Amino acid sequence: MSTEIDIEERLSHLMRAVDDLSDVVARQEREIAALTRQVIRLTERAEADAEGSVTLTDQRPPHW
């Protein structure tokens, strides 16, 4: 009888751990998606800046 209870307790703990890990994976998936979008935006901005603007070394400071 105690073996059956031990198994049920272990199963309960394992199910809780799986649920917790599932939550972590879901949160990380959202974070990765947000970071991927941010990297894409920054890459596009950097490419646009490289194509159409003057580098900082070619610009005069605003106080001149």
Protein backbone atom coordinates (compact mmCIF):
# COMPACT_ATOMS: atom_id res chain seq x y z
CA MET A 1 0.00 0.00 0.00
CA SER A 2 2.75 2.47 0.85
CA THR A 3 4.39 1.77 -2.48
CA GLU A 4 1.22 2.82 -4.27
CA ILE A 5 1.10 6.04 -2.25
CA ASP A 6 4.79 6.70 -2.93
CA ILE A 7 4.22 6.25 -6.64
CA GLU A 8 1.24 8.61 -6.59
CA GLU A 9 3.25 11.22 -4.69
CA ARG A 10 6.16 10.94 -7.10
CA LEU A 11 3.81 11.17 -10.06
CA SER A 12 2.19 14.25 -8.57
CA HIS A 13 5.59 15.92 -8.09
CA LEU A 14 6.64 15.00 -11.62
CA MET A 15 3.43 16.41 -13.08
CA ARG A 16 3.99 19.64 -11.16
CA ALA A 17 7.57 19.83 -12.43
CA VAL A 18 6.41 19.27 -16.01
CA ASP A 19 3.82 22.04 -15.66
CA ASP A 20 6.43 24.41 -14.22
CA LEU A 21 8.87 23.61 -17.00
CA SER A 22 6.15 24.07 -19.59
CA ASP A 23 5.49 27.56 -18.21
CA VAL A 24 9.19 28.37 -18.38
CA VAL A 25 9.44 27.17 -21.98
CA ALA A 26 6.37 29.21 -22.98
CA ARG A 27 7.83 32.36 -21.37
CA GLN A 28 11.19 31.80 -23.04
CA GLU A 29 9.47 31.29 -26.40
CA ARG A 30 7.76 34.70 -26.03
CA GLU A 31 11.03 36.35 -25.01
CA ILE A 32 12.92 34.79 -27.93
CA ALA A 33 10.23 35.96 -30.36
CA ALA A 34 10.40 39.51 -28.98
CA LEU A 35 14.20 39.53 -29.12
CA THR A 36 14.15 38.16 -32.67
CA ARG A 37 11.83 40.98 -33.76
CA GLN A 38 14.12 43.50 -32.06
CA VAL A 39 17.21 42.10 -33.78
CA ILE A 40 15.45 42.26 -37.14
CA ARG A 41 14.45 45.91 -36.56
CA LEU A 42 17.97 46.84 -35.44
CA THR A 43 19.53 45.04 -38.38
CA GLU A 44 17.20 46.80 -40.81
CA ARG A 45 17.98 50.15 -39.20
CA ALA A 46 21.73 49.49 -39.34
CA GLU A 47 21.50 48.49 -43.00
CA ALA A 48 19.47 51.61 -43.83
CA ASP A 49 21.97 53.79 -41.98
CA ALA A 50 24.88 52.17 -43.77
CA GLU A 51 23.29 52.71 -47.17
CA GLY A 52 22.07 56.25 -46.90
CA SER A 53 23.82 58.25 -44.24
CA VAL A 54 27.18 59.81 -43.62
CA THR A 55 29.48 58.20 -41.09
CA LEU A 56 30.08 60.06 -37.85
CA THR A 57 33.70 60.73 -38.75
CA ASP A 58 32.53 62.78 -41.75
CA GLN A 59 30.16 64.97 -39.75
CA ARG A 60 31.11 68.20 -38.07
CA PRO A 61 30.16 68.56 -34.43
CA PRO A 62 27.04 70.72 -33.91
CA HIS A 63 28.96 73.47 -32.09
CA TRP A 64 31.06 74.34 -35.18
